[in-house]
């Protein structure tokens, strides 16, 4: 009975994994197919990858996506860290209220957030690259806060007080005592913001101006003409780059956990 239950559980997990990763496998295989058709295999080729690197539209969209993702992730991480420090210093009632408000953008529909951002931004600036950047920073901040706050809850407050009693100033104590404890949460928040910014479509679509494209909006625009195999190649590259980054982050996190255990 135990073996049967174990087999059913493993079979169920295997089915879920197949449904999750079979489309990605089809995408990867199609990127090497010499034919435009996704059904007929016409031989192995790398021409879609070469065309991808020669396409000006893809290069511009990729550059915009990367710049938006890294700048918005960096700025939102700094602002989220400062906000987390302030939230942690609040009383219990204020803390609960602010954390409840922080969760609202995450539960809110993207289309509502996108339209609200558009209506707010057009009152102060024209839609363009800067408007997308402002929108990305805004919706990334709650994700950063919710990644950093658990580190504050796990941290022993007495270590900061001990540093102050030993003669360290507040700034020195923060950078030498508090900040190292928050590093895992800060890194997790940065990568979460980076991923959310690169993945976003709805908010970007409503806040972008004419002539400004990211990968998501460019792919959406091509749906009317039909997706080209160069998009398969681009998606494959993004998938493997993301996979490598995830492996690196998990390895570093595992090493950090082992170091803490040894201490």
Protein backbone atom coordinates (compact mmCIF):
# COMPACT_ATOMS: atom_id res chain seq x y z
CA UNK A 1 0.00 0.00 0.00
CA UNK A 2 2.82 2.37 0.85
CA UNK A 3 4.59 1.58 -2.43
CA UNK A 4 1.37 2.17 -4.39
CA UNK A 5 0.82 5.52 -2.68
CA UNK A 6 4.42 6.52 -3.37
CA UNK A 7 4.05 5.51 -7.03
CA UNK A 8 0.83 7.53 -7.42
CA UNK A 9 2.47 10.60 -5.86
CA UNK A 10 5.51 10.35 -8.15
CA UNK A 11 3.30 9.73 -11.19
CA UNK A 12 1.21 12.80 -10.33
CA UNK A 13 4.32 14.98 -9.96
CA UNK A 14 5.68 13.61 -13.27
CA UNK A 15 2.43 14.52 -15.07
CA UNK A 16 2.55 18.06 -13.65
CA UNK A 17 6.19 18.46 -14.74
CA UNK A 18 5.33 17.24 -18.24
CA UNK A 19 2.50 19.77 -18.58
CA UNK A 20 4.79 22.53 -17.31
CA UNK A 21 7.88 21.83 -19.40
CA UNK A 22 6.55 20.12 -22.55
CA UNK A 23 5.64 23.51 -24.15
CA UNK A 24 9.13 24.81 -23.40
CA UNK A 25 10.65 21.69 -24.97
CA UNK A 26 8.52 22.25 -28.09
CA UNK A 27 9.70 25.88 -28.16
CA UNK A 28 13.37 24.87 -27.93
CA UNK A 29 13.01 22.22 -30.66
CA UNK A 30 11.15 24.68 -32.93
CA UNK A 31 13.99 27.19 -32.60
CA UNK A 32 16.30 24.69 -34.34
CA UNK A 33 13.79 23.66 -37.02
CA UNK A 34 14.69 24.70 -40.58
CA UNK A 35 10.98 25.03 -41.38
CA UNK A 36 8.67 27.83 -40.32
CA UNK A 37 6.04 25.23 -39.50
CA UNK A 38 5.89 23.94 -35.93
CA UNK A 39 4.54 20.58 -37.13
CA UNK A 40 6.96 19.60 -39.91
CA UNK A 41 10.63 18.96 -39.08
CA UNK A 42 12.79 20.12 -41.99
CA UNK A 43 16.24 19.60 -40.52
CA UNK A 44 18.52 21.20 -37.92
CA UNK A 45 19.54 24.84 -38.38
CA UNK A 46 20.92 27.82 -36.49
CA UNK A 47 19.72 30.44 -38.98
CA UNK A 48 16.96 31.71 -36.66
CA UNK A 49 19.58 32.52 -34.04
CA UNK A 50 21.73 34.37 -36.57
CA UNK A 51 18.69 36.31 -37.80
CA UNK A 52 17.79 37.10 -34.20
CA UNK A 53 21.18 38.73 -33.57
CA UNK A 54 20.90 40.69 -36.85
CA UNK A 55 17.40 42.02 -36.17
CA UNK A 56 17.42 45.69 -35.16
CA UNK A 57 13.90 45.44 -33.72
CA UNK A 58 14.85 42.55 -31.44
CA UNK A 59 18.08 44.26 -30.36
CA UNK A 60 16.28 47.49 -29.44
CA UNK A 61 13.49 45.64 -27.61
CA UNK A 62 16.01 43.46 -25.77
CA UNK A 63 18.11 46.48 -24.76
CA UNK A 64 15.00 48.28 -23.46
CA UNK A 65 13.91 45.18 -21.53
CA UNK A 66 17.31 44.65 -19.90
CA UNK A 67 17.80 48.33 -19.00
CA UNK A 68 14.27 48.58 -17.61
CA UNK A 69 14.64 45.37 -15.61
CA UNK A 70 18.01 46.18 -14.03
CA UNK A 71 17.39 49.88 -13.34
CA UNK A 72 13.89 49.31 -11.94
CA UNK A 73 15.08 46.33 -9.87
CA UNK A 74 18.01 48.33 -8.45
CA UNK A 75 15.97 51.44 -7.61
CA UNK A 76 13.04 49.44 -6.21
CA UNK A 77 15.43 47.37 -4.07
CA UNK A 78 16.95 50.51 -2.53
CA UNK A 79 13.53 52.09 -1.95
CA UNK A 80 12.12 48.80 -0.67
CA UNK A 81 15.01 48.44 1.78
CA UNK A 82 14.47 51.97 3.13
CA UNK A 83 10.72 51.33 3.37
CA UNK A 84 11.34 48.04 5.20
CA UNK A 85 13.53 49.79 7.78
CA UNK A 86 10.77 52.32 8.40
CA UNK A 87 8.04 49.67 8.57
CA UNK A 88 10.03 47.58 11.04
CA UNK A 89 10.27 50.59 13.37
CA UNK A 90 6.47 51.09 13.44
CA UNK A 91 4.12 50.07 16.23
CA UNK A 92 2.10 46.89 15.80
CA UNK A 93 -1.10 48.57 14.58
CA UNK A 94 0.71 50.80 12.08
CA UNK A 95 2.84 47.85 10.98
CA UNK A 96 -0.24 45.71 10.24
CA UNK A 97 -1.93 48.55 8.36
CA UNK A 98 1.09 49.33 6.15
CA UNK A 99 1.73 45.63 5.40
CA UNK A 100 -1.92 45.21 4.39
CA UNK A 101 -1.59 48.16 1.99
CA UNK A 102 1.65 46.69 0.62
CA UNK A 103 -0.18 43.49 -0.32
CA UNK A 104 -2.89 45.30 -2.30
CA UNK A 105 -0.81 45.88 -5.51
CA UNK A 106 0.12 42.19 -5.56
CA UNK A 107 -3.52 41.09 -5.29
CA UNK A 108 -4.81 43.75 -7.67
CA UNK A 109 -5.40 42.89 -11.33
CA UNK A 110 -2.56 43.98 -13.63
CA UNK A 111 -4.95 45.68 -16.04
CA UNK A 112 -6.33 47.88 -13.22
CA UNK A 113 -2.80 48.79 -12.11
CA UNK A 114 -1.76 49.47 -15.72
CA UNK A 115 -4.69 51.79 -16.47
CA UNK A 116 -4.28 53.59 -13.13
CA UNK A 117 -0.56 54.09 -13.80
CA UNK A 118 -1.29 55.43 -17.29
CA UNK A 119 -3.90 57.93 -16.05
CA UNK A 120 -1.58 59.12 -13.27
CA UNK A 121 1.60 59.40 -15.36
CA UNK A 122 0.10 61.27 -18.33
CA UNK A 123 -0.74 64.15 -15.99
CA UNK A 124 2.94 64.77 -15.29
CA UNK A 125 4.96 63.45 -18.25
CA UNK A 126 4.51 62.07 -21.76
CA UNK A 127 4.38 58.33 -22.18
CA UNK A 128 7.71 56.81 -23.16
CA UNK A 129 10.68 54.97 -21.70
CA UNK A 130 10.68 57.03 -18.48
CA UNK A 131 7.00 56.35 -17.86
CA UNK A 132 7.57 52.58 -18.17
CA UNK A 133 10.55 52.81 -15.80
CA UNK A 134 8.49 54.73 -13.21
CA UNK A 135 5.67 52.18 -13.46
CA UNK A 136 8.06 49.23 -13.09
CA UNK A 137 9.74 50.76 -10.04
CA UNK A 138 6.34 51.37 -8.46
CA UNK A 139 4.95 47.85 -8.86
CA UNK A 140 8.29 46.21 -7.93
CA UNK A 141 8.60 47.87 -4.51
CA UNK A 142 5.97 45.69 -2.74
CA UNK A 143 7.76 42.52 -3.89
CA UNK A 144 11.04 43.80 -2.47
CA UNK A 145 9.43 44.76 0.85
CA UNK A 146 7.78 41.35 1.22
CA UNK A 147 11.14 39.64 0.62
CA UNK A 148 13.06 41.80 3.12
CA UNK A 149 10.54 41.99 5.98
CA UNK A 150 10.84 38.28 6.97
CA UNK A 151 14.56 38.85 7.57
CA UNK A 152 13.69 41.63 10.02
CA UNK A 153 11.26 39.30 11.81
CA UNK A 154 13.94 36.58 12.10
CA UNK A 155 16.67 38.95 13.24
CA UNK A 156 17.63 39.30 16.90
CA UNK A 157 17.19 42.96 17.87
CA UNK A 158 19.69 42.61 20.71
CA UNK A 159 22.64 42.42 18.27
CA UNK A 160 22.03 46.03 17.21
CA UNK A 161 21.70 47.12 20.82
CA UNK A 162 24.88 45.22 21.70
CA UNK A 163 26.77 47.00 18.91
CA UNK A 164 25.53 50.36 20.21
CA UNK A 165 26.55 49.46 23.77
CA UNK A 166 30.05 48.62 22.53
CA UNK A 167 30.43 52.15 21.16
CA UNK A 168 29.44 51.72 17.50
CA UNK A 169 27.49 54.57 15.94
CA UNK A 170 24.02 54.02 14.42
CA UNK A 171 25.26 54.17 10.82
CA UNK A 172 28.23 51.89 11.48
CA UNK A 173 26.00 49.46 13.40
CA UNK A 174 23.53 49.35 10.54
CA UNK A 175 26.11 48.58 7.85
CA UNK A 176 28.13 46.12 9.97
CA UNK A 177 25.37 44.38 11.95
CA UNK A 178 21.92 44.86 10.40
CA UNK A 179 22.72 44.95 6.67
CA UNK A 180 24.60 41.60 6.57
CA UNK A 181 21.55 39.94 8.14
CA UNK A 182 19.31 41.43 5.44
CA UNK A 183 21.50 40.50 2.45
CA UNK A 184 19.61 37.24 1.58
CA UNK A 185 16.30 39.10 1.57
CA UNK A 186 17.75 41.99 -0.43
CA UNK A 187 19.15 39.61 -3.06
CA UNK A 188 15.86 37.70 -3.23
CA UNK A 189 13.93 40.96 -3.58
CA UNK A 190 16.26 42.21 -6.32
CA UNK A 191 15.90 39.04 -8.38
CA UNK A 192 12.14 38.99 -7.80
CA UNK A 193 11.88 42.58 -9.05
CA UNK A 194 14.18 41.76 -11.98
CA UNK A 195 12.02 38.79 -12.98
CA UNK A 196 8.74 40.66 -12.59
CA UNK A 197 10.01 43.58 -14.67
CA UNK A 198 11.27 41.37 -17.50
CA UNK A 199 8.07 39.32 -17.47
CA UNK A 200 5.57 42.20 -17.33
CA UNK A 201 3.35 42.96 -20.31
CA UNK A 202 0.07 44.56 -19.22
CA UNK A 203 1.49 47.49 -17.23
CA UNK A 204 4.20 48.07 -19.84
CA UNK A 205 1.59 48.07 -22.63
CA UNK A 206 -0.49 50.80 -20.97
CA UNK A 207 2.44 53.02 -19.92
CA UNK A 208 4.67 52.83 -23.00
CA UNK A 209 4.81 55.51 -25.65
CA UNK A 210 4.93 55.22 -29.41
CA UNK A 211 8.15 53.71 -30.74
CA UNK A 212 9.18 52.19 -27.40
CA UNK A 213 9.02 48.41 -27.21
CA UNK A 214 10.04 45.70 -24.81
CA UNK A 215 10.22 42.01 -25.68
CA UNK A 216 6.71 41.36 -24.40
CA UNK A 217 5.08 44.22 -26.34
CA UNK A 218 7.09 43.39 -29.46
CA UNK A 219 5.93 39.74 -29.40
CA UNK A 220 2.34 40.89 -28.87
CA UNK A 221 2.60 43.20 -31.89
CA UNK A 222 3.90 40.31 -34.01
CA UNK A 223 0.91 38.14 -33.15
CA UNK A 224 -1.10 40.01 -35.78
CA UNK A 225 1.40 39.07 -38.49
CA UNK A 226 2.28 35.65 -37.11
CA UNK A 227 5.09 34.67 -34.77
CA UNK A 228 8.41 34.28 -36.57
CA UNK A 229 10.88 31.48 -35.65
CA UNK A 230 13.33 34.15 -34.47
CA UNK A 231 11.00 34.59 -31.49
CA UNK A 232 11.46 30.90 -30.67
CA UNK A 233 15.23 31.40 -30.70
CA UNK A 234 14.98 34.52 -28.52
CA UNK A 235 12.67 32.78 -26.03
CA UNK A 236 15.05 29.81 -25.86
CA UNK A 237 18.02 32.07 -25.06
CA UNK A 238 16.02 33.89 -22.36
CA UNK A 239 14.91 30.57 -20.84
CA UNK A 240 18.43 29.18 -20.55
CA UNK A 241 19.85 32.47 -19.24
CA UNK A 242 17.12 32.53 -16.58
CA UNK A 243 17.78 28.88 -15.75
CA UNK A 244 21.50 29.54 -15.28
CA UNK A 245 20.76 32.55 -13.05
CA UNK A 246 18.40 30.47 -10.91
CA UNK A 247 21.01 27.74 -10.52
CA UNK A 248 23.64 30.30 -9.48
CA UNK A 249 21.29 31.93 -6.96
CA UNK A 250 20.29 28.57 -5.47
CA UNK A 251 23.94 27.47 -5.18
CA UNK A 252 24.89 30.73 -3.47
CA UNK A 253 21.89 30.45 -1.13
CA UNK A 254 22.82 26.87 -0.25
CA UNK A 255 26.41 27.90 0.51
CA UNK A 256 25.15 30.78 2.63
CA UNK A 257 22.90 28.42 4.60
CA UNK A 258 25.77 26.00 5.19
CA UNK A 259 27.95 28.86 6.43
CA UNK A 260 25.27 29.97 8.89
CA UNK A 261 24.87 26.41 10.16
CA UNK A 262 28.62 26.07 10.73
CA UNK A 263 28.62 29.30 12.71
